[in-house]
Amino acid sequence: MSDYFQGNLPLQSVSVTKNAVRSPQGEIEEVSDKLAITIAEAASDRKAGDILLLRVADVSYLADYFVLMTGYSRVQVRAIADAIEGQVETEWQRRPLRTAGKAEGSWVLQDYGEVIVHIMMPKEREFYNLEAFWSHAERLELPKSDEGGTNQHD
């Protein structure tokens, strides 16, 4: 079977590059950063709670970011997942590599490769406490967007 490739190549021979885009100003912008923000914004549009971006690139090979959020009902968890899929497909022309838990709706995981999304009901989020498990990762909380706009009192 000549079409089958058995590759026992040493890991050193595999080239690893970060997804980077160079802007006209010469700044390098990580694609994973922008994707994580797109995901968080889509979740926020569906009123997800406690949205948290964990930059795990320096502490894990699994992904560059975990995006964690809370949905307060199974219907909302699925709606958040659908909103994320729609927004990412529209802006990035990408679908998740894998999705798990959507039928149950208490914890949906969406794997976009460099960004892994966790949409959890409050009990699941408290029980599994991924924030504590990944406490050595950099935490990037999104600013809370109030419906009143940019008014900031006290």
N, C-alpha and C. Protein backbone atom coordinates (compact mmCIF):
# COMPACT_ATOMS: atom_id res chain seq x y z
N MET A 1 0.84 -1.18 0.00
CA MET A 1 0.00 0.00 0.00
C MET A 1 0.88 1.24 0.00
N SER A 2 1.12 1.75 -1.15
CA SER A 2 2.03 2.88 -1.27
C SER A 2 1.40 4.19 -0.82
N ASP A 3 0.07 4.25 -0.72
CA ASP A 3 -0.59 5.48 -0.29
C ASP A 3 -0.51 5.70 1.22
N TYR A 4 -0.11 4.68 1.95
CA TYR A 4 -0.06 4.77 3.40
C TYR A 4 1.32 5.25 3.82
N PHE A 5 1.36 6.29 4.61
CA PHE A 5 2.63 6.83 5.08
C PHE A 5 2.81 6.49 6.55
N GLN A 6 3.85 5.76 6.84
CA GLN A 6 4.18 5.48 8.23
C GLN A 6 5.31 6.40 8.61
N GLY A 7 4.99 7.38 9.39
CA GLY A 7 6.01 8.35 9.76
C GLY A 7 6.45 8.16 11.19
N ASN A 8 7.65 7.70 11.38
CA ASN A 8 8.25 7.63 12.71
C ASN A 8 9.34 8.68 12.78
N LEU A 9 8.94 9.91 12.59
CA LEU A 9 9.89 11.00 12.56
C LEU A 9 10.13 11.51 13.97
N PRO A 10 11.36 11.88 14.27
CA PRO A 10 11.61 12.45 15.60
C PRO A 10 10.89 13.79 15.73
N LEU A 11 10.50 14.13 16.93
CA LEU A 11 9.76 15.36 17.16
C LEU A 11 10.53 16.60 16.71
N GLN A 12 11.85 16.54 16.78
CA GLN A 12 12.65 17.70 16.40
C GLN A 12 12.49 18.05 14.93
N SER A 13 12.11 17.09 14.10
CA SER A 13 11.99 17.37 12.67
C SER A 13 10.68 18.06 12.32
N VAL A 14 9.76 18.14 13.28
CA VAL A 14 8.48 18.77 13.02
C VAL A 14 8.59 20.25 13.35
N SER A 15 8.31 21.07 12.38
CA SER A 15 8.39 22.51 12.56
C SER A 15 7.12 23.01 13.23
N VAL A 16 7.27 23.78 14.28
CA VAL A 16 6.12 24.34 14.98
C VAL A 16 6.16 25.85 14.81
N THR A 17 5.06 26.40 14.29
CA THR A 17 4.97 27.84 14.15
C THR A 17 3.69 28.33 14.78
N LYS A 18 3.74 29.51 15.34
CA LYS A 18 2.56 30.14 15.91
C LYS A 18 1.76 30.78 14.79
N ASN A 19 0.45 30.82 14.94
CA ASN A 19 -0.39 31.52 13.98
C ASN A 19 -0.26 33.00 14.26
N ALA A 20 0.43 33.69 13.41
CA ALA A 20 0.62 35.11 13.62
C ALA A 20 0.28 35.86 12.34
N VAL A 21 -0.28 37.04 12.51
CA VAL A 21 -0.61 37.90 11.40
C VAL A 21 0.14 39.19 11.62
N ARG A 22 0.82 39.67 10.60
CA ARG A 22 1.54 40.92 10.73
C ARG A 22 0.65 42.03 10.18
N SER A 23 0.38 43.00 11.03
CA SER A 23 -0.47 44.11 10.60
C SER A 23 0.36 45.07 9.76
N PRO A 24 -0.29 46.01 9.06
CA PRO A 24 0.46 46.97 8.24
C PRO A 24 1.46 47.79 9.07
N GLN A 25 1.18 47.96 10.35
CA GLN A 25 2.10 48.72 11.20
C GLN A 25 3.28 47.87 11.66
N GLY A 26 3.31 46.59 11.24
CA GLY A 26 4.42 45.73 11.61
C GLY A 26 4.21 44.98 12.92
N GLU A 27 3.05 45.20 13.56
CA GLU A 27 2.79 44.51 14.83
C GLU A 27 2.33 43.09 14.54
N ILE A 28 2.78 42.16 15.36
CA ILE A 28 2.34 40.78 15.21
C ILE A 28 1.14 40.57 16.11
N GLU A 29 0.06 40.10 15.53
CA GLU A 29 -1.16 39.85 16.29
C GLU A 29 -1.44 38.36 16.23
N GLU A 30 -1.59 37.75 17.35
CA GLU A 30 -1.87 36.33 17.41
C GLU A 30 -3.29 36.06 16.96
N VAL A 31 -3.44 35.14 16.03
CA VAL A 31 -4.76 34.74 15.57
C VAL A 31 -5.56 34.17 16.73
N SER A 32 -4.90 33.40 17.59
CA SER A 32 -5.62 32.80 18.72
C SER A 32 -6.17 33.86 19.67
N ASP A 33 -5.46 34.98 19.83
CA ASP A 33 -5.96 36.08 20.66
C ASP A 33 -7.28 36.61 20.10
N LYS A 34 -7.28 36.89 18.82
CA LYS A 34 -8.46 37.45 18.17
C LYS A 34 -9.61 36.45 18.17
N LEU A 35 -9.31 35.17 17.95
CA LEU A 35 -10.34 34.14 17.97
C LEU A 35 -10.97 34.04 19.35
N ALA A 36 -10.15 34.06 20.39
CA ALA A 36 -10.66 33.99 21.77
C ALA A 36 -11.57 35.17 22.07
N ILE A 37 -11.21 36.35 21.59
CA ILE A 37 -12.03 37.54 21.82
C ILE A 37 -13.35 37.44 21.05
N THR A 38 -13.30 36.94 19.82
CA THR A 38 -14.53 36.72 19.05
C THR A 38 -15.48 35.79 19.80
N ILE A 39 -14.93 34.72 20.35
CA ILE A 39 -15.71 33.74 21.10
C ILE A 39 -16.33 34.39 22.33
N ALA A 40 -15.53 35.15 23.07
CA ALA A 40 -16.03 35.81 24.28
C ALA A 40 -17.13 36.81 23.95
N GLU A 41 -16.97 37.54 22.86
CA GLU A 41 -17.99 38.52 22.47
C GLU A 41 -19.29 37.83 22.08
N ALA A 42 -19.20 36.72 21.35
CA ALA A 42 -20.40 35.98 20.97
C ALA A 42 -21.12 35.46 22.21
N ALA A 43 -20.35 34.99 23.18
CA ALA A 43 -20.94 34.49 24.44
C ALA A 43 -21.59 35.63 25.21
N SER A 44 -20.95 36.77 25.23
CA SER A 44 -21.49 37.93 25.91
C SER A 44 -22.81 38.38 25.29
N ASP A 45 -22.90 38.28 23.97
CA ASP A 45 -24.15 38.63 23.28
C ASP A 45 -25.31 37.74 23.71
N ARG A 46 -25.01 36.53 24.17
CA ARG A 46 -26.04 35.60 24.65
C ARG A 46 -26.12 35.60 26.18
N LYS A 47 -25.56 36.65 26.79
CA LYS A 47 -25.65 36.87 28.24
C LYS A 47 -24.96 35.79 29.06
N ALA A 48 -23.88 35.23 28.54
CA ALA A 48 -23.09 34.28 29.34
C ALA A 48 -22.51 35.03 30.54
N GLY A 49 -22.40 34.34 31.67
CA GLY A 49 -21.88 34.96 32.87
C GLY A 49 -20.43 34.60 33.12
N ASP A 50 -19.75 35.43 33.87
CA ASP A 50 -18.38 35.18 34.33
C ASP A 50 -17.47 34.69 33.22
N ILE A 51 -17.42 35.42 32.11
CA ILE A 51 -16.57 35.03 30.99
C ILE A 51 -15.12 35.29 31.37
N LEU A 52 -14.31 34.27 31.20
CA LEU A 52 -12.91 34.36 31.58
C LEU A 52 -12.04 33.76 30.48
N LEU A 53 -11.03 34.49 30.08
CA LEU A 53 -10.05 33.97 29.14
C LEU A 53 -8.81 33.57 29.93
N LEU A 54 -8.39 32.33 29.76
CA LEU A 54 -7.16 31.86 30.37
C LEU A 54 -6.14 31.62 29.26
N ARG A 55 -5.03 32.33 29.33
CA ARG A 55 -3.98 32.11 28.34
C ARG A 55 -3.12 30.96 28.86
N VAL A 56 -3.31 29.79 28.27
CA VAL A 56 -2.64 28.57 28.75
C VAL A 56 -1.45 28.19 27.88
N ALA A 57 -1.14 28.99 26.87
CA ALA A 57 -0.08 28.64 25.92
C ALA A 57 1.26 28.39 26.61
N ASP A 58 1.56 29.13 27.67
CA ASP A 58 2.85 28.99 28.33
C ASP A 58 2.90 27.82 29.31
N VAL A 59 1.74 27.25 29.63
CA VAL A 59 1.70 26.18 30.64
C VAL A 59 1.11 24.88 30.13
N SER A 60 0.67 24.85 28.87
CA SER A 60 0.05 23.65 28.33
C SER A 60 0.23 23.58 26.82
N TYR A 61 0.32 22.40 26.32
CA TYR A 61 0.40 22.21 24.88
C TYR A 61 -1.00 22.02 24.28
N LEU A 62 -2.04 21.96 25.11
CA LEU A 62 -3.40 21.69 24.62
C LEU A 62 -3.95 22.80 23.73
N ALA A 63 -3.69 24.03 24.09
CA ALA A 63 -4.27 25.17 23.37
C ALA A 63 -3.53 26.43 23.79
N ASP A 64 -3.85 27.53 23.11
CA ASP A 64 -3.33 28.84 23.53
C ASP A 64 -4.23 29.47 24.58
N TYR A 65 -5.55 29.26 24.41
CA TYR A 65 -6.53 29.85 25.32
C TYR A 65 -7.60 28.85 25.70
N PHE A 66 -8.08 28.98 26.92
CA PHE A 66 -9.35 28.39 27.35
C PHE A 66 -10.27 29.58 27.55
N VAL A 67 -11.48 29.49 27.06
CA VAL A 67 -12.49 30.52 27.32
C VAL A 67 -13.57 29.84 28.15
N LEU A 68 -13.74 30.30 29.39
CA LEU A 68 -14.70 29.72 30.32
C LEU A 68 -15.86 30.69 30.51
N MET A 69 -17.06 30.12 30.63
CA MET A 69 -18.23 30.97 30.86
C MET A 69 -19.34 30.15 31.49
N THR A 70 -20.31 30.85 32.04
CA THR A 70 -21.44 30.20 32.69
C THR A 70 -22.71 30.49 31.92
N GLY A 71 -23.51 29.43 31.75
CA GLY A 71 -24.86 29.55 31.22
C GLY A 71 -25.80 29.13 32.34
N TYR A 72 -26.91 29.80 32.50
CA TYR A 72 -27.75 29.58 33.68
C TYR A 72 -28.92 28.63 33.46
N SER A 73 -29.00 28.05 32.26
CA SER A 73 -29.97 26.99 31.98
C SER A 73 -29.39 26.16 30.84
N ARG A 74 -29.90 24.96 30.69
CA ARG A 74 -29.42 24.10 29.58
C ARG A 74 -29.71 24.75 28.23
N VAL A 75 -30.86 25.40 28.13
CA VAL A 75 -31.22 26.09 26.89
C VAL A 75 -30.23 27.21 26.61
N GLN A 76 -29.87 27.98 27.64
CA GLN A 76 -28.92 29.07 27.45
C GLN A 76 -27.53 28.53 27.09
N VAL A 77 -27.10 27.44 27.73
CA VAL A 77 -25.79 26.86 27.42
C VAL A 77 -25.73 26.49 25.94
N ARG A 78 -26.78 25.84 25.44
CA ARG A 78 -26.81 25.47 24.01
C ARG A 78 -26.90 26.71 23.12
N ALA A 79 -27.65 27.72 23.54
CA ALA A 79 -27.76 28.96 22.75
C ALA A 79 -26.41 29.67 22.67
N ILE A 80 -25.68 29.68 23.76
CA ILE A 80 -24.34 30.28 23.76
C ILE A 80 -23.44 29.52 22.79
N ALA A 81 -23.48 28.19 22.86
CA ALA A 81 -22.66 27.36 21.97
C ALA A 81 -23.01 27.65 20.51
N ASP A 82 -24.30 27.73 20.21
CA ASP A 82 -24.74 28.02 18.83
C ASP A 82 -24.27 29.40 18.39
N ALA A 83 -24.36 30.38 19.28
CA ALA A 83 -23.94 31.75 18.95
C ALA A 83 -22.45 31.80 18.65
N ILE A 84 -21.66 31.08 19.46
CA ILE A 84 -20.21 31.04 19.24
C ILE A 84 -19.91 30.39 17.88
N GLU A 85 -20.55 29.26 17.62
CA GLU A 85 -20.32 28.59 16.33
C GLU A 85 -20.67 29.50 15.17
N GLY A 86 -21.80 30.18 15.27
CA GLY A 86 -22.22 31.08 14.19
C GLY A 86 -21.27 32.24 13.99
N GLN A 87 -20.87 32.87 15.08
CA GLN A 87 -19.98 34.04 15.00
C GLN A 87 -18.61 33.65 14.45
N VAL A 88 -18.07 32.54 14.93
CA VAL A 88 -16.74 32.10 14.47
C VAL A 88 -16.81 31.69 13.00
N GLU A 89 -17.90 31.04 12.62
CA GLU A 89 -18.03 30.65 11.21
C GLU A 89 -18.14 31.88 10.32
N THR A 90 -18.89 32.88 10.77
CA THR A 90 -19.06 34.11 9.99
C THR A 90 -17.75 34.90 9.88
N GLU A 91 -17.08 35.11 11.02
CA GLU A 91 -15.89 35.96 11.03
C GLU A 91 -14.61 35.22 10.63
N TRP A 92 -14.55 33.92 10.90
CA TRP A 92 -13.31 33.18 10.70
C TRP A 92 -13.44 32.04 9.69
N GLN A 93 -14.65 31.77 9.21
CA GLN A 93 -14.89 30.65 8.31
C GLN A 93 -14.36 29.33 8.90
N ARG A 94 -14.63 29.15 10.17
CA ARG A 94 -14.15 27.96 10.88
C ARG A 94 -15.29 27.34 11.66
N ARG A 95 -15.26 26.04 11.76
CA ARG A 95 -16.17 25.26 12.60
C ARG A 95 -15.31 24.62 13.68
N PRO A 96 -15.90 24.27 14.83
CA PRO A 96 -15.08 23.59 15.85
C PRO A 96 -14.59 22.25 15.33
N LEU A 97 -13.38 21.89 15.74
CA LEU A 97 -12.83 20.57 15.38
C LEU A 97 -13.64 19.48 16.05
N ARG A 98 -14.05 19.75 17.30
CA ARG A 98 -14.87 18.81 18.07
C ARG A 98 -15.81 19.62 18.96
N THR A 99 -16.98 19.03 19.19
CA THR A 99 -17.92 19.60 20.14
C THR A 99 -18.43 18.45 21.00
N ALA A 100 -18.50 18.67 22.30
CA ALA A 100 -19.00 17.63 23.21
C ALA A 100 -19.99 18.24 24.19
N GLY A 101 -20.99 17.45 24.58
CA GLY A 101 -21.90 17.84 25.63
C GLY A 101 -23.10 18.67 25.22
N LYS A 102 -23.24 18.94 23.94
CA LYS A 102 -24.34 19.82 23.51
C LYS A 102 -25.70 19.19 23.75
N ALA A 103 -25.82 17.90 23.59
CA ALA A 103 -27.11 17.23 23.82
C ALA A 103 -27.54 17.34 25.28
N GLU A 104 -26.59 17.18 26.21
CA GLU A 104 -26.92 17.27 27.64
C GLU A 104 -27.14 18.71 28.06
N GLY A 105 -26.27 19.60 27.60
CA GLY A 105 -26.44 21.02 27.86
C GLY A 105 -25.98 21.53 29.20
N SER A 106 -25.34 20.69 30.02
CA SER A 106 -24.85 21.20 31.30
C SER A 106 -23.39 21.65 31.20
N TRP A 107 -22.65 21.11 30.23
CA TRP A 107 -21.27 21.52 29.97
C TRP A 107 -20.99 21.24 28.52
N VAL A 108 -20.82 22.28 27.73
CA VAL A 108 -20.49 22.12 26.32
C VAL A 108 -19.03 22.52 26.14
N LEU A 109 -18.30 21.66 25.46
CA LEU A 109 -16.91 21.93 25.14
C LEU A 109 -16.80 22.07 23.62
N GLN A 110 -16.18 23.15 23.19
CA GLN A 110 -15.93 23.37 21.77
C GLN A 110 -14.43 23.52 21.58
N ASP A 111 -13.87 22.70 20.70
CA ASP A 111 -12.43 22.71 20.45
C ASP A 111 -12.16 23.35 19.11
N TYR A 112 -11.56 24.53 19.14
CA TYR A 112 -11.17 25.23 17.92
C TYR A 112 -9.67 25.10 17.67
N GLY A 113 -9.03 24.13 18.28
CA GLY A 113 -7.59 23.96 18.11
C GLY A 113 -6.83 24.82 19.10
N GLU A 114 -6.54 26.05 18.72
CA GLU A 114 -5.78 26.93 19.61
C GLU A 114 -6.63 27.56 20.70
N VAL A 115 -7.95 27.43 20.60
CA VAL A 115 -8.86 27.95 21.63
C VAL A 115 -9.86 26.84 21.97
N ILE A 116 -9.98 26.55 23.27
CA ILE A 116 -10.94 25.57 23.74
C ILE A 116 -11.96 26.30 24.61
N VAL A 117 -13.24 26.09 24.29
CA VAL A 117 -14.34 26.79 24.95
C VAL A 117 -15.04 25.85 25.92
N HIS A 118 -15.30 26.33 27.13
CA HIS A 118 -16.05 25.59 28.14
C HIS A 118 -17.26 26.43 28.53
N ILE A 119 -18.45 25.94 28.22
CA ILE A 119 -19.69 26.62 28.59
C ILE A 119 -20.36 25.72 29.63
N MET A 120 -20.46 26.20 30.87
CA MET A 120 -20.92 25.34 31.95
C MET A 120 -22.06 25.96 32.73
N MET A 121 -22.90 25.08 33.26
CA MET A 121 -23.91 25.49 34.23
C MET A 121 -23.17 25.82 35.53
N PRO A 122 -23.77 26.62 36.41
CA PRO A 122 -23.08 27.02 37.65
C PRO A 122 -22.56 25.85 38.49
N LYS A 123 -23.34 24.79 38.66
CA LYS A 123 -22.90 23.65 39.49
C LYS A 123 -21.67 22.98 38.90
N GLU A 124 -21.66 22.79 37.59
CA GLU A 124 -20.51 22.16 36.92
C GLU A 124 -19.28 23.06 37.02
N ARG A 125 -19.48 24.34 36.83
CA ARG A 125 -18.34 25.26 36.89
C ARG A 125 -17.74 25.28 38.29
N GLU A 126 -18.60 25.28 39.30
CA GLU A 126 -18.12 25.28 40.68
C GLU A 126 -17.44 23.95 41.02
N PHE A 127 -18.03 22.85 40.61
CA PHE A 127 -17.50 21.53 40.94
C PHE A 127 -16.15 21.28 40.29
N TYR A 128 -16.05 21.52 38.98
CA TYR A 128 -14.80 21.24 38.26
C TYR A 128 -13.75 22.31 38.46
N ASN A 129 -14.16 23.54 38.75
CA ASN A 129 -13.28 24.64 39.12
C ASN A 129 -12.02 24.72 38.26
N LEU A 130 -12.22 24.82 36.96
CA LEU A 130 -11.08 24.89 36.04
C LEU A 130 -10.20 26.10 36.29
N GLU A 131 -10.79 27.18 36.80
CA GLU A 131 -9.99 28.37 37.12
C GLU A 131 -8.90 28.02 38.13
N ALA A 132 -9.23 27.22 39.14
CA ALA A 132 -8.24 26.83 40.15
C ALA A 132 -7.24 25.83 39.57
N PHE A 133 -7.74 24.90 38.77
CA PHE A 133 -6.85 23.90 38.17
C PHE A 133 -5.81 24.56 37.28
N TRP A 134 -6.22 25.59 36.54
CA TRP A 134 -5.31 26.31 35.66
C TRP A 134 -4.89 27.64 36.28
N SER A 135 -4.74 27.68 37.59
CA SER A 135 -4.43 28.94 38.28
C SER A 135 -3.09 29.52 37.87
N HIS A 136 -2.20 28.71 37.33
CA HIS A 136 -0.89 29.20 36.90
C HIS A 136 -0.94 29.82 35.50
N ALA A 137 -2.12 29.79 34.87
CA ALA A 137 -2.29 30.43 33.56
C ALA A 137 -2.62 31.90 33.75
N GLU A 138 -2.31 32.69 32.75
CA GLU A 138 -2.62 34.11 32.80
C GLU A 138 -4.12 34.32 32.63
N ARG A 139 -4.72 35.07 33.55
CA ARG A 139 -6.17 35.32 33.53
C ARG A 139 -6.44 36.66 32.85
N LEU A 140 -7.31 36.63 31.87
CA LEU A 140 -7.70 37.85 31.16
C LEU A 140 -9.20 37.96 31.24
N GLU A 141 -9.70 38.81 32.13
CA GLU A 141 -11.14 38.97 32.25
C GLU A 141 -11.60 40.05 31.29
N LEU A 142 -12.70 39.79 30.65
CA LEU A 142 -13.27 40.79 29.75
C LEU A 142 -13.94 41.88 30.58
N PRO A 143 -13.85 43.11 30.13
CA PRO A 143 -14.58 44.16 30.84
C PRO A 143 -16.07 43.89 30.75
N LYS A 144 -16.75 44.08 31.85
CA LYS A 144 -18.20 43.84 31.87
C LYS A 144 -18.87 44.96 31.10
N SER A 145 -19.66 44.58 30.12
CA SER A 145 -20.35 45.60 29.32
C SER A 145 -21.75 45.80 29.86
N ASP A 146 -21.98 46.97 30.42
CA ASP A 146 -23.32 47.30 30.94
C ASP A 146 -24.13 47.86 29.80
N GLU A 147 -25.44 47.71 29.91
CA GLU A 147 -26.30 48.21 28.87
C GLU A 147 -26.30 49.73 28.80
N GLY A 148 -25.85 50.38 29.85
CA GLY A 148 -25.82 51.84 29.88
C GLY A 148 -24.68 52.42 29.08
N GLY A 149 -23.82 51.60 28.50
CA GLY A 149 -22.72 52.12 27.71
C GLY A 149 -21.45 52.26 28.54
N THR A 150 -20.77 53.39 28.34
CA THR A 150 -19.46 53.56 28.96
C THR A 150 -19.52 54.40 30.23
N ASN A 151 -20.66 54.63 30.77
CA ASN A 151 -20.74 55.41 32.01
C ASN A 151 -20.13 54.64 33.13
N GLN A 152 -19.17 55.25 33.81
CA GLN A 152 -18.54 54.58 34.94
C GLN A 152 -18.61 55.49 36.15
N HIS A 153 -19.44 55.10 37.08
CA HIS A 153 -19.56 55.87 38.31
C HIS A 153 -18.98 55.06 39.43
N ASP A 154 -18.17 55.71 40.27
CA ASP A 154 -17.52 55.09 41.42
C ASP A 154 -16.93 53.76 41.03
